[in-house]
Structure formats: structure tokens, C-alpha cells
Amino acid sequence: MSASRRSGTTDELGPDEPERDGPDESSGGSEGSAGGSDLLAALLDGMDAALCAFDGDGVVTHWNREAERILGWSAAEAVGRHGFAGWAVREADAEEVEARLMSAMHAPGRQVHEFALLTKDGGRVLVRTQSAAVRGPDGKPAGVYCAFSEVHAQIDLERSIALSEALFEDASWGVVLVDADLRPAVVNAHAARALGIGRTSVLGRPLGELLAQGVEELESALTHVLAEGAPPAPAEIWVSVRTPEGERRRCWRCGFVRLASPLAEEPVPLGVGWLFQDVTAAKQSEQEAALLRFRTNQLHRAARAAAECEDPVEAATVHLDFALAGFADHALIDRAAGGAGGAVTDSDTDTAEPVRLVRVAVTPSGAPGPSLLGGEAGLPVRYAEGHPALQCVARAGSVRADAGNMPAERAREWAVGRQWPADAVHALCAVLRSRGRTLGVVTFLRGSGRSAFERSDAVYAEDVAVRIASALDLAGVLEAE
């Protein structure tokens, strides 16, 4: 170690180092040794950790730039001093610190300690050190090297590593590291379950193989983050996940962070950290609540508007028009013909005689507008046996019908054959009941651009049907007078 008692950053003697006779071994007596000394100096100064070294007598032989940055002592001021006493460590602590450092010469492996060192301006810095023996050509201990860093920096590093490991092992939300090619590089267990595939199976696969819908929006978000950085707020993305059981429609609340290498002078994108949480249930509940509020508001508005109508039949069409908003594309009202006041009792439905229905009102099939009244001639609608409207009357309950996956031409024939507009694909018939009697049927129709009617839609249609039935019942009473 005595041949290397010069710092990698200076060739001056330390303040307490005696002048030695003979050639300067640290700077080298030949061009080769000089090149090796320069290389050593460059390596020492390029280290991220502070490093110092001691010979067998405890004299400082090396001191790099990071050590100078942390403590403020330059290499010229540090190299050649005996231990840390009086300058880098308080006198009261010097003996203990030196003993613990030099004990590494005769101990296997590396030793880790924490010391309070002094800075040049008189401050104190708590550092964590790793020290190990330096052996000479004969294999015997010749000195000690000591790498140290500020404790808070070490703790920050350990926290970052611990956080990374926790995110990819125990996090209760999905965490995916996406590379610059937009392929998953690392996924945690939660994300693997959400994607319906194993943690190793998902790696390196295009997102299009994992998602059936929503992949374009997700890839666009990832590309934006790579180019511009993280968005200011989480984004909610609807996707369809491919699973062995089929596609699953999910809503993910996603957050993104751009990852850059800390070792490059300029930020080099390593990919995107993608964190997501499944909020499907919450979004569906939110949508259902919003839909319920809207429909309740429509029923309220319809009741107020219908109360201003002198003609009860007109009031029935008002209820129909208000119900259409956001619910269906077409609607029609068929009133039962015959019976007392145009109504069918339960005993009537038990007879073999088919029920006749007369068209009372229908929404215009062209330009939007109020429902059109009809049925003045009293001619029954030509419904074939088994028609959904007739089933609705027979059961005194709601009936749903659907064209299914028929080709467009067959779906058109299906609708026209049931006396509905040609573009109808989904139908919902709700019975009109008042005072224990069936007054008719209201039918709501949707085109191919809408989804099929569900149970919640049937409940809403039944609410509308109650109001329409009350209006038609009043109309029947007035006609009887």
C-alpha cells in the first residue's frame, strides 16, 4: 500500500507525510505505470460511493472525489494523514473508529459500520461504511479500504429497492413495467390475475394479444407518457381482457410514470411504469345510479306534462315520448279491442278466442317528433300467433324479443313480419294494466346500434306502462260517458 500513497486526484504530499527519498512510485517510473496510475485515478473519481484507503499503519493512501464532496476535505488534505483523528473524527471517538476500521484487516469478508464523521466546515455527517482488507503480493493484509456513503442516501436507496420489491410482490393493485416497445417486461401477481395469465407468460407479448378491446387507447397513453411524461391525473380505460373463459369487460383506473435511467447524462427512457386498479363494480354502480336518476327525472317531467293535457290519450303519448329519451328508438301503444271499456279481464285471456289489439299511437319512423295517434278505424293490428305483444297480454307481464345474430336482411324480415319498423332488432313489450284489467300493450324497440333490453329496462318500461294504462283507462271512462 505504501507504493500507492497518492490520491487519484493529486500528486502532492499530505500535510503530515514526511518526504521520501527515491522515485515516486505512485506516479510510476515508466509510461506503463503512469498510465495505470491515471486509470486508477479515473476509476476512483468516477465512483458513486466515497472511498478511502489506509495502509497497514493506518495512514490514508487514497481519497476520491465523492469523499471530498461528502466531507469537504480534498485529497491533498486527506492523503498522508494518520487515521481520522482530529480532522474527520472527534478526538473522543477517534480511537474507537480507527480500531473498528483497522479490524477489517484480519476479519473475513466485509464489515459494515456506522460512524459520525466531521466535515471540513465543522458539521457532522452520519455515514455507513463497508471496509475490507487489502492484501499485498504475498497474500498478507497490507491495509484496508473503506467505502462510505451518507446514511440517509443509503436508506433512500434501500427504501427504493424495498418499494420496488413490494410493488411487484404484495401490492393490492396491478403494477406492470412496460418497455419502450410497449411490451410488458415485469408484472406483479395482481396484474397477472387481472390479465388472466401467468406472470411469466405475459412477458414480452404485445398488448393486443392480451386485450380484445381498449388496446389502442392504452397504447396511445403509454406512447404519450414515453414522449411527454406522466399525465396529471389517473385515466379510466375500459378494456376487454382475453381469458380462456372468454372476454371480460373491465374498467381500469390507470396511472403512468415514465422511467428513465439514472446513470445517463441525459434521460434515457427505460419504459413506463403502469399502475392500475379494477374499478368496474364502482363504475357500473355509478352508471346505474346516474341512469336511475335520469329515468326518475323523466318520469317526474312526464307526469307534470301529462297533467296539463285535456285528452287522456294525448297524456298517454306524452308519457311515451318522455320515456323514449335514451331508452329506445321506437315505441308504440296497442289497445285491447272489445270487452268492457276496451279492456280484457283475466277470464277473457283464458278463453280460446284470440285477443285483438288496435294501434293507438306510434312514434314517427322518419324525423323525430311527438307520437302519432291512430286507431280511429278500430281495425286490429295483424299480429301473427305467438307475437310478443300477444304473449304479453296472455301472461299479463313483460316479454323481451331479440333478432339475435341474424344477418341484416333476415333481421329486417324479422321486424317487418312483426309489424315493427324495419330497423328494429330488440323489443320489449310491457302490459298496460289498470283496475285489475289488461288495457293493451306498450312496445319499445331498439335498433342494431343499441344493446338488448335487460331486466332493469323492463322495470322502467313497467313504470311507464302503469302511467300510460292510467291515462287510457281514464279515456275509456270518458268515452263510456
Protein backbone atom coordinates (compact mmCIF):
# COMPACT_ATOMS: atom_id res chain seq x y z
CA MET A 1 0.00 0.00 0.00
CA SER A 2 2.94 2.37 0.57
CA ALA A 3 3.58 2.43 -3.16
CA SER A 4 0.11 3.89 -3.66
CA ARG A 5 0.03 6.60 -1.05
CA ARG A 6 -1.03 9.22 -3.52
CA SER A 7 -4.65 10.08 -4.21
CA GLY A 8 -6.16 9.51 -7.61
CA THR A 9 -6.76 13.28 -7.74
CA THR A 10 -3.47 14.80 -6.58
CA ASP A 11 0.27 14.21 -6.57
CA GLU A 12 1.04 16.39 -3.57
CA LEU A 13 2.20 15.06 -0.26
CA GLY A 14 -0.24 15.08 2.61
CA PRO A 15 0.30 17.79 5.24
CA ASP A 16 1.78 15.37 7.77
CA GLU A 17 3.55 12.98 5.38
CA PRO A 18 7.36 13.01 5.51
CA GLU A 19 9.25 13.46 2.28
CA ARG A 20 10.65 10.20 0.96
CA ASP A 21 13.80 9.52 -1.00
CA GLY A 22 13.75 7.67 -4.28
CA PRO A 23 11.44 7.67 -7.22
CA ASP A 24 7.73 8.47 -6.84
CA GLU A 25 6.23 5.00 -7.09
CA SER A 26 2.59 6.20 -7.24
CA SER A 27 3.16 8.26 -10.34
CA GLY A 28 5.21 5.43 -11.85
CA GLY A 29 8.72 5.25 -13.18
CA SER A 30 7.65 4.29 -16.68
CA GLU A 31 4.99 5.16 -19.21
CA GLY A 32 3.07 1.96 -18.41
CA SER A 33 2.89 2.61 -14.69
CA ALA A 34 1.91 6.22 -15.33
CA GLY A 35 -0.96 5.04 -17.48
CA GLY A 36 -2.04 2.64 -14.74
CA SER A 37 -1.98 5.44 -12.20
CA ASP A 38 -4.15 7.61 -14.45
CA LEU A 39 -6.58 4.76 -14.91
CA LEU A 40 -6.75 4.19 -11.16
CA ALA A 41 -7.37 7.89 -10.58
CA ALA A 42 -10.16 7.91 -13.17
CA LEU A 43 -11.80 4.84 -11.64
CA LEU A 44 -11.66 6.24 -8.13
CA ASP A 45 -13.05 9.62 -9.12
CA GLY A 46 -15.82 8.06 -11.20
CA MET A 47 -17.23 6.02 -8.33
CA ASP A 48 -20.64 6.91 -6.92
CA ALA A 49 -19.51 5.93 -3.43
CA ALA A 50 -16.93 7.73 -1.34
CA LEU A 51 -13.76 5.70 -0.95
CA CYS A 52 -10.65 5.99 1.14
CA ALA A 53 -7.87 3.51 1.88
CA PHE A 54 -5.33 3.03 4.68
CA ASP A 55 -2.02 1.24 4.72
CA GLY A 56 -1.06 -1.17 7.46
CA ASP A 57 -0.10 1.69 9.75
CA GLY A 58 -3.45 3.43 9.36
CA VAL A 59 -2.20 6.20 7.04
CA VAL A 60 -4.65 7.46 4.41
CA THR A 61 -3.42 6.47 0.94
CA HIS A 62 -6.45 7.13 -1.29
CA TRP A 63 -9.30 9.67 -1.22
CA ASN A 64 -11.72 10.11 -4.14
CA ARG A 65 -13.94 12.98 -5.26
CA GLU A 66 -17.11 11.59 -3.67
CA ALA A 67 -15.36 11.52 -0.29
CA GLU A 68 -14.35 15.12 -0.88
CA ARG A 69 -17.94 16.03 -1.78
CA ILE A 70 -19.36 14.48 1.39
CA LEU A 71 -16.79 15.71 3.92
CA GLY A 72 -15.28 18.73 2.16
CA TRP A 73 -11.68 17.57 2.65
CA SER A 74 -9.71 17.44 -0.57
CA ALA A 75 -7.39 14.58 -1.49
CA ALA A 76 -4.37 16.83 -0.91
CA GLU A 77 -5.60 17.47 2.63
CA ALA A 78 -6.53 13.86 3.40
CA VAL A 79 -3.83 11.66 1.87
CA GLY A 80 -0.90 11.08 4.23
CA ARG A 81 -2.80 11.74 7.47
CA HIS A 82 -2.76 9.06 10.13
CA GLY A 83 -6.32 7.91 10.67
CA PHE A 84 -9.26 10.28 11.07
CA ALA A 85 -8.32 11.66 14.47
CA GLY A 86 -8.56 15.41 14.86
CA TRP A 87 -9.86 16.23 11.41
CA ALA A 88 -12.53 13.76 10.15
CA VAL A 89 -13.48 12.31 13.57
CA ARG A 90 -13.69 13.86 17.02
CA GLU A 91 -10.73 13.08 19.24
CA ALA A 92 -13.01 11.33 21.73
CA ASP A 93 -14.26 8.93 19.04
CA ALA A 94 -11.04 8.53 17.06
CA GLU A 95 -9.63 5.51 18.88
CA GLU A 96 -12.86 3.52 18.60
CA VAL A 97 -13.40 4.42 14.93
CA GLU A 98 -9.81 3.53 14.00
CA ALA A 99 -9.99 0.21 15.85
CA ARG A 100 -13.20 -0.77 14.10
CA LEU A 101 -11.88 0.22 10.69
CA MET A 102 -8.48 -1.47 11.03
CA SER A 103 -10.10 -4.64 12.42
CA ALA A 104 -11.17 -5.40 8.89
CA MET A 105 -7.53 -6.27 8.05
CA HIS A 106 -7.82 -9.51 10.00
CA ALA A 107 -11.52 -10.27 9.51
CA PRO A 108 -13.00 -12.33 6.67
CA GLY A 109 -15.23 -10.57 4.15
CA ARG A 110 -16.54 -7.05 4.57
CA GLN A 111 -17.59 -5.27 7.72
CA VAL A 112 -20.38 -2.69 7.92
CA HIS A 113 -20.30 0.13 10.45
CA GLU A 114 -21.94 3.49 11.01
CA PHE A 115 -19.85 6.48 12.13
CA ALA A 116 -20.34 10.18 12.65
CA LEU A 117 -17.63 11.92 10.61
CA LEU A 118 -16.68 15.60 10.65
CA THR A 119 -16.88 17.84 7.63
CA LYS A 120 -14.31 20.48 6.88
CA ASP A 121 -16.67 23.26 7.97
CA GLY A 122 -17.26 21.62 11.36
CA GLY A 123 -20.51 19.79 10.66
CA ARG A 124 -21.21 16.15 11.37
CA VAL A 125 -22.34 13.54 8.85
CA LEU A 126 -23.58 10.08 9.75
CA VAL A 127 -22.14 7.61 7.25
CA ARG A 128 -22.44 3.89 6.68
CA THR A 129 -19.12 2.23 5.83
CA GLN A 130 -18.11 -1.04 4.26
CA SER A 131 -14.49 -1.95 4.96
CA ALA A 132 -12.36 -4.93 3.91
CA ALA A 133 -8.72 -5.95 3.93
CA VAL A 134 -6.33 -5.15 1.08
CA ARG A 135 -3.76 -7.90 0.60
CA GLY A 136 -0.26 -7.48 -0.69
CA PRO A 137 1.61 -9.62 -3.25
CA ASP A 138 2.46 -12.13 -0.52
CA GLY A 139 -1.21 -12.56 0.36
CA LYS A 140 -0.86 -10.94 3.74
CA PRO A 141 -3.02 -7.96 4.83
CA ALA A 142 -1.39 -4.73 3.70
CA GLY A 143 -4.12 -2.25 4.51
CA VAL A 144 -7.82 -1.52 4.49
CA TYR A 145 -10.14 0.11 2.01
CA CYS A 146 -13.31 1.80 3.20
CA ALA A 147 -16.30 2.75 1.03
CA PHE A 148 -18.85 5.00 2.68
CA SER A 149 -21.96 6.99 1.91
CA GLU A 150 -24.33 9.19 3.84
CA VAL A 151 -26.79 7.13 5.81
CA HIS A 152 -29.84 8.97 4.52
CA ALA A 153 -28.72 8.30 0.93
CA GLN A 154 -28.23 4.63 1.73
CA ILE A 155 -31.61 4.48 3.44
CA ASP A 156 -33.23 6.19 0.43
CA LEU A 157 -31.69 3.55 -1.83
CA GLU A 158 -32.84 0.73 0.42
CA ARG A 159 -36.32 2.23 0.57
CA SER A 160 -36.45 2.46 -3.22
CA ILE A 161 -35.43 -1.17 -3.56
CA ALA A 162 -37.87 -2.26 -0.86
CA LEU A 163 -40.68 -0.28 -2.51
CA SER A 164 -39.92 -1.83 -5.88
CA GLU A 165 -39.94 -5.34 -4.44
CA ALA A 166 -43.14 -4.69 -2.51
CA LEU A 167 -44.92 -3.31 -5.58
CA PHE A 168 -44.04 -6.35 -7.65
CA GLU A 169 -44.91 -8.83 -4.92
CA ASP A 170 -47.52 -7.65 -2.45
CA ALA A 171 -49.30 -4.65 -3.99
CA SER A 172 -53.10 -4.79 -4.00
CA TRP A 173 -53.26 -3.15 -7.43
CA GLY A 174 -51.77 -4.09 -10.76
CA VAL A 175 -48.20 -2.99 -11.49
CA VAL A 176 -46.70 -3.52 -14.94
CA LEU A 177 -43.33 -2.36 -16.23
CA VAL A 178 -43.75 -1.76 -19.97
CA ASP A 179 -40.62 -1.45 -22.11
CA ALA A 180 -40.07 1.10 -24.87
CA ASP A 181 -41.64 -1.35 -27.38
CA LEU A 182 -44.88 -1.33 -25.33
CA ARG A 183 -44.45 -4.92 -24.21
CA PRO A 184 -44.72 -6.00 -20.55
CA ALA A 185 -41.28 -6.55 -19.03
CA VAL A 186 -42.26 -7.15 -15.39
CA VAL A 187 -45.70 -7.73 -13.86
CA ASN A 188 -46.81 -8.30 -10.31
CA ALA A 189 -49.14 -11.05 -9.15
CA HIS A 190 -52.21 -8.78 -9.06
CA ALA A 191 -51.70 -7.63 -12.66
CA ALA A 192 -51.20 -11.21 -13.83
CA ARG A 193 -54.52 -12.22 -12.28
CA ALA A 194 -56.26 -9.21 -13.83
CA LEU A 195 -54.88 -10.15 -17.26
CA GLY A 196 -55.94 -13.75 -16.76
CA ILE A 197 -52.49 -15.19 -17.47
CA GLY A 198 -49.35 -16.24 -15.61
CA ARG A 199 -46.64 -13.76 -14.62
CA THR A 200 -44.06 -15.28 -16.95
CA SER A 201 -46.47 -15.94 -19.81
CA VAL A 202 -47.33 -12.26 -20.17
CA LEU A 203 -43.74 -11.05 -20.54
CA GLY A 204 -42.74 -9.75 -23.96
CA ARG A 205 -46.16 -10.26 -25.52
CA PRO A 206 -47.91 -7.43 -27.42
CA LEU A 207 -50.80 -5.89 -25.52
CA GLY A 208 -53.08 -6.76 -28.44
CA GLU A 209 -52.69 -10.44 -27.56
CA LEU A 210 -53.87 -9.79 -24.02
CA LEU A 211 -56.72 -7.31 -24.65
CA ALA A 212 -59.51 -7.58 -27.21
CA GLN A 213 -60.79 -4.02 -26.79
CA GLY A 214 -59.22 -0.87 -25.36
CA VAL A 215 -55.70 -1.77 -26.51
CA GLU A 216 -55.48 1.23 -28.86
CA GLU A 217 -56.37 3.66 -26.07
CA LEU A 218 -53.90 2.02 -23.69
CA GLU A 219 -51.05 2.01 -26.19
CA SER A 220 -51.77 5.64 -27.03
CA ALA A 221 -51.49 6.52 -23.33
CA LEU A 222 -48.20 4.62 -22.98
CA THR A 223 -46.75 6.30 -26.07
CA HIS A 224 -47.75 9.72 -24.73
CA VAL A 225 -46.05 9.01 -21.40
CA LEU A 226 -42.83 7.92 -23.14
CA ALA A 227 -42.80 11.14 -25.16
CA GLU A 228 -44.25 13.72 -22.76
CA GLY A 229 -44.11 12.26 -19.25
CA ALA A 230 -46.74 11.25 -16.73
CA PRO A 231 -50.28 12.66 -17.09
CA PRO A 232 -51.51 14.93 -14.28
CA ALA A 233 -54.30 12.57 -13.16
CA PRO A 234 -55.30 8.89 -13.42
CA ALA A 235 -57.19 7.77 -16.51
CA GLU A 236 -60.12 5.34 -16.62
CA ILE A 237 -59.88 2.91 -19.53
CA TRP A 238 -62.47 0.28 -20.49
CA VAL A 239 -60.90 -2.90 -21.83
CA SER A 240 -61.93 -6.43 -22.76
CA VAL A 241 -59.50 -9.00 -21.39
CA ARG A 242 -58.95 -12.22 -23.31
CA THR A 243 -59.29 -15.20 -20.96
CA PRO A 244 -59.75 -18.95 -21.53
CA GLU A 245 -63.36 -18.49 -20.38
CA GLY A 246 -63.96 -15.70 -22.91
CA GLU A 247 -63.71 -11.92 -22.97
CA ARG A 248 -64.28 -9.96 -19.76
CA ARG A 249 -65.30 -6.31 -19.90
CA ARG A 250 -63.40 -4.36 -17.22
CA CYS A 251 -62.77 -0.73 -16.28
CA TRP A 252 -59.25 0.04 -15.04
CA ARG A 253 -58.20 3.25 -13.33
CA CYS A 254 -54.66 3.71 -14.60
CA GLY A 255 -51.69 5.79 -13.50
CA PHE A 256 -48.49 6.09 -15.52
CA VAL A 257 -44.91 7.18 -14.77
CA ARG A 258 -42.04 7.43 -17.21
CA LEU A 259 -38.92 5.51 -16.22
CA ALA A 260 -35.50 6.93 -17.13
CA SER A 261 -32.01 5.63 -16.43
CA PRO A 262 -30.31 7.47 -13.53
CA LEU A 263 -26.88 6.56 -14.93
CA ALA A 264 -27.14 8.51 -18.19
CA GLU A 265 -26.27 12.19 -18.51
CA GLU A 266 -29.48 12.72 -20.49
CA PRO A 267 -32.68 10.89 -19.55
CA VAL A 268 -32.88 7.63 -21.47
CA PRO A 269 -36.40 6.14 -21.39
CA LEU A 270 -36.44 2.64 -19.98
CA GLY A 271 -40.18 2.27 -20.36
CA VAL A 272 -43.33 3.13 -18.45
CA GLY A 273 -44.49 2.11 -15.02
CA TRP A 274 -48.18 1.31 -15.38
CA LEU A 275 -50.28 1.00 -12.23
CA PHE A 276 -53.96 0.14 -12.43
CA GLN A 277 -56.88 -0.79 -10.23
CA ASP A 278 -60.08 -2.55 -11.27
CA VAL A 279 -62.99 -0.16 -10.68
CA THR A 280 -65.55 -2.00 -12.79
CA ALA A 281 -68.02 -2.54 -9.95
CA ALA A 282 -67.79 1.07 -8.83
CA LYS A 283 -68.21 2.41 -12.38
CA GLN A 284 -71.18 0.16 -13.04
CA SER A 285 -72.81 1.27 -9.80
CA GLU A 286 -72.11 4.88 -10.72
CA GLN A 287 -73.61 4.42 -14.18
CA GLU A 288 -76.65 2.64 -12.79
CA ALA A 289 -77.19 5.40 -10.24
CA ALA A 290 -76.90 8.07 -12.93
CA LEU A 291 -79.31 6.17 -15.19
CA LEU A 292 -81.78 5.74 -12.35
CA ARG A 293 -81.65 9.47 -11.56
CA PHE A 294 -82.23 10.33 -15.21
CA ARG A 295 -85.17 7.95 -15.59
CA THR A 296 -86.76 9.11 -12.35
CA ASN A 297 -86.42 12.68 -13.55
CA GLN A 298 -88.03 11.75 -16.87
CA LEU A 299 -90.98 10.12 -15.13
CA HIS A 300 -91.43 13.24 -13.00
CA ARG A 301 -91.29 15.56 -16.01
CA ALA A 302 -93.68 13.32 -17.97
CA ALA A 303 -96.21 13.32 -15.12
CA ARG A 304 -96.19 17.11 -14.92
CA ALA A 305 -96.55 17.50 -18.68
CA ALA A 306 -99.32 14.88 -18.88
CA ALA A 307 -101.26 16.62 -16.11
CA GLU A 308 -101.71 19.61 -18.45
CA CYS A 309 -103.29 17.52 -21.24
CA GLU A 310 -107.09 17.68 -21.59
CA ASP A 311 -107.21 14.49 -23.67
CA PRO A 312 -106.15 11.39 -21.68
CA VAL A 313 -104.91 9.67 -24.87
CA GLU A 314 -102.66 12.64 -25.52
CA ALA A 315 -101.40 12.31 -21.95
CA ALA A 316 -100.55 8.67 -22.70
CA THR A 317 -98.45 9.71 -25.70
CA VAL A 318 -96.67 12.32 -23.55
CA HIS A 319 -95.55 9.57 -21.21
CA LEU A 320 -94.41 7.56 -24.23
CA ASP A 321 -92.39 10.44 -25.68
CA PHE A 322 -90.60 11.20 -22.43
CA ALA A 323 -89.77 7.50 -21.94
CA LEU A 324 -88.03 7.25 -25.31
CA ALA A 325 -85.16 9.61 -24.38
CA GLY A 326 -82.04 7.46 -24.00
CA PHE A 327 -84.15 4.33 -23.70
CA ALA A 328 -85.42 3.21 -27.11
CA ASP A 329 -85.57 4.22 -30.78
CA HIS A 330 -89.24 3.50 -31.42
CA ALA A 331 -92.33 2.86 -29.34
CA LEU A 332 -95.98 2.06 -29.99
CA ILE A 333 -99.16 1.57 -27.99
CA ASP A 334 -101.69 -1.14 -28.82
CA ARG A 335 -105.04 -1.07 -27.06
CA ALA A 336 -107.18 -4.14 -26.46
CA ALA A 337 -110.34 -4.21 -28.58
CA GLY A 338 -113.65 -5.49 -27.23
CA GLY A 339 -114.60 -6.20 -23.66
CA ALA A 340 -115.89 -3.62 -21.19
CA GLY A 341 -114.40 -0.24 -22.00
CA GLY A 342 -111.83 -1.76 -24.35
CA ALA A 343 -110.27 -3.90 -21.64
CA VAL A 344 -109.57 -7.59 -21.23
CA THR A 345 -110.24 -9.29 -17.92
CA ASP A 346 -108.33 -12.28 -16.65
CA SER A 347 -111.20 -14.56 -17.54
CA ASP A 348 -111.12 -13.27 -21.12
CA THR A 349 -107.48 -14.27 -21.53
CA ASP A 350 -108.34 -17.84 -20.51
CA THR A 351 -110.73 -18.32 -23.45
CA ALA A 352 -109.64 -19.72 -26.79
CA GLU A 353 -110.69 -16.52 -28.53
CA PRO A 354 -107.51 -14.54 -29.51
CA VAL A 355 -107.10 -11.03 -28.14
CA ARG A 356 -107.38 -8.25 -30.70
CA LEU A 357 -105.10 -5.21 -30.42
CA VAL A 358 -105.71 -1.83 -32.08
CA ARG A 359 -102.87 0.61 -32.73
CA VAL A 360 -103.39 3.76 -30.62
CA ALA A 361 -100.11 5.64 -31.04
CA VAL A 362 -96.72 5.18 -32.67
CA THR A 363 -93.55 7.24 -32.81
CA PRO A 364 -92.66 8.66 -36.22
CA SER A 365 -90.21 6.49 -38.17
CA GLY A 366 -88.61 9.40 -40.01
CA ALA A 367 -87.80 12.78 -38.50
CA PRO A 368 -88.08 12.96 -34.70
CA GLY A 369 -91.27 14.36 -33.27
CA PRO A 370 -94.22 13.62 -30.97
CA SER A 371 -96.01 10.30 -31.22
CA LEU A 372 -98.71 9.98 -33.85
CA LEU A 373 -102.25 8.98 -32.87
CA GLY A 374 -104.09 6.30 -34.82
CA GLY A 375 -106.72 3.63 -34.48
CA GLU A 376 -109.74 5.72 -35.42
CA ALA A 377 -111.00 2.97 -37.70
CA GLY A 378 -110.76 0.40 -34.93
CA LEU A 379 -109.12 -2.20 -37.18
CA PRO A 380 -106.97 -4.69 -35.28
CA VAL A 381 -103.27 -4.98 -35.97
CA ARG A 382 -102.39 -8.13 -37.92
CA TYR A 383 -100.27 -9.84 -35.32
CA ALA A 384 -99.45 -13.47 -36.01
CA GLU A 385 -99.94 -16.15 -33.38
CA GLY A 386 -97.12 -16.13 -30.84
CA HIS A 387 -96.36 -12.44 -31.38
CA PRO A 388 -94.57 -10.90 -28.34
CA ALA A 389 -97.40 -8.39 -27.83
CA LEU A 390 -99.99 -11.17 -27.69
CA GLN A 391 -97.77 -13.17 -25.32
CA CYS A 392 -97.54 -10.07 -23.13
CA VAL A 393 -101.32 -9.82 -22.90
CA ALA A 394 -101.70 -13.53 -22.22
CA ARG A 395 -99.13 -13.52 -19.44
CA ALA A 396 -100.01 -10.07 -18.08
CA GLY A 397 -96.29 -9.47 -17.81
CA SER A 398 -93.33 -8.12 -19.75
CA VAL A 399 -91.87 -10.00 -22.75
CA ARG A 400 -88.50 -9.45 -24.40
CA ALA A 401 -87.68 -10.41 -28.00
CA ASP A 402 -84.44 -10.22 -29.93
CA ALA A 403 -83.32 -10.80 -33.52
CA GLY A 404 -80.10 -12.30 -32.19
CA ASN A 405 -77.20 -12.64 -34.59
CA MET A 406 -79.30 -12.76 -37.72
CA PRO A 407 -77.86 -11.26 -40.92
CA ALA A 408 -79.11 -7.77 -41.71
CA GLU A 409 -81.62 -8.94 -44.34
CA ARG A 410 -83.11 -11.62 -42.10
CA ALA A 411 -83.30 -9.18 -39.17
CA ARG A 412 -85.22 -6.79 -41.41
CA GLU A 413 -87.67 -9.54 -42.35
CA TRP A 414 -87.98 -10.46 -38.67
CA ALA A 415 -89.01 -6.91 -37.72
CA VAL A 416 -91.36 -6.32 -40.67
CA GLY A 417 -93.07 -9.67 -40.08
CA ARG A 418 -93.96 -8.49 -36.55
CA GLN A 419 -95.40 -5.18 -37.78
CA TRP A 420 -92.48 -3.18 -36.42
CA PRO A 421 -90.12 -0.66 -38.11
CA ALA A 422 -87.61 -2.43 -40.35
CA ASP A 423 -84.57 -1.34 -38.33
CA ALA A 424 -85.84 -2.85 -35.05
CA VAL A 425 -83.62 -5.55 -33.58
CA HIS A 426 -84.53 -5.60 -29.88
CA ALA A 427 -88.08 -5.42 -28.48
CA LEU A 428 -89.62 -5.08 -25.04
CA CYS A 429 -93.39 -5.40 -24.52
CA ALA A 430 -94.95 -4.22 -21.24
CA VAL A 431 -98.57 -4.89 -20.40
CA LEU A 432 -100.96 -1.99 -19.70
CA ARG A 433 -102.92 -2.86 -16.52
CA SER A 434 -105.44 -0.75 -14.62
CA ARG A 435 -108.13 -1.70 -12.09
CA GLY A 436 -107.33 -5.38 -12.47
CA ARG A 437 -107.82 -5.37 -16.24
CA THR A 438 -105.47 -5.55 -19.22
CA LEU A 439 -105.90 -2.48 -21.40
CA GLY A 440 -103.26 -3.26 -24.01
CA VAL A 441 -99.51 -3.33 -24.63
CA VAL A 442 -96.75 -0.74 -24.98
CA THR A 443 -93.80 -1.90 -27.09
CA PHE A 444 -90.33 -0.34 -27.02
CA LEU A 445 -87.93 -1.06 -29.90
CA ARG A 446 -84.19 -0.60 -30.32
CA GLY A 447 -82.03 -0.67 -33.43
CA SER A 448 -78.76 -2.55 -34.00
CA GLY A 449 -76.74 0.33 -32.55
CA ARG A 450 -78.08 -0.34 -29.06
CA SER A 451 -77.75 -3.24 -26.65
CA ALA A 452 -80.57 -5.67 -25.90
CA PHE A 453 -83.11 -4.86 -23.21
CA GLU A 454 -82.19 -6.05 -19.72
CA ARG A 455 -84.16 -6.68 -16.55
CA SER A 456 -83.58 -3.13 -15.30
CA ASP A 457 -85.02 -1.84 -18.61
CA ALA A 458 -88.11 -3.98 -18.11
CA VAL A 459 -88.66 -2.44 -14.67
CA TYR A 460 -88.52 1.06 -16.17
CA ALA A 461 -90.85 0.07 -19.02
CA GLU A 462 -93.34 -1.28 -16.47
CA ASP A 463 -93.26 2.05 -14.60
CA VAL A 464 -94.06 3.87 -17.84
CA ALA A 465 -96.76 1.32 -18.68
CA VAL A 466 -98.55 1.98 -15.37
CA ARG A 467 -98.84 5.68 -16.23
CA ILE A 468 -99.95 5.02 -19.80
CA ALA A 469 -102.53 2.49 -18.59
CA SER A 470 -103.99 5.01 -16.12
CA ALA A 471 -104.39 7.56 -18.93
CA LEU A 472 -106.03 5.04 -21.28
CA ASP A 473 -108.31 3.83 -18.52
CA LEU A 474 -109.47 7.42 -17.95
CA ALA A 475 -110.00 7.79 -21.70
CA GLY A 476 -112.20 4.67 -21.67
CA VAL A 477 -114.27 6.00 -18.79
CA LEU A 478 -114.84 9.32 -20.59
CA GLU A 479 -115.79 7.52 -23.80
CA ALA A 480 -118.33 5.43 -21.91
CA GLU A 481 -119.96 8.57 -20.58
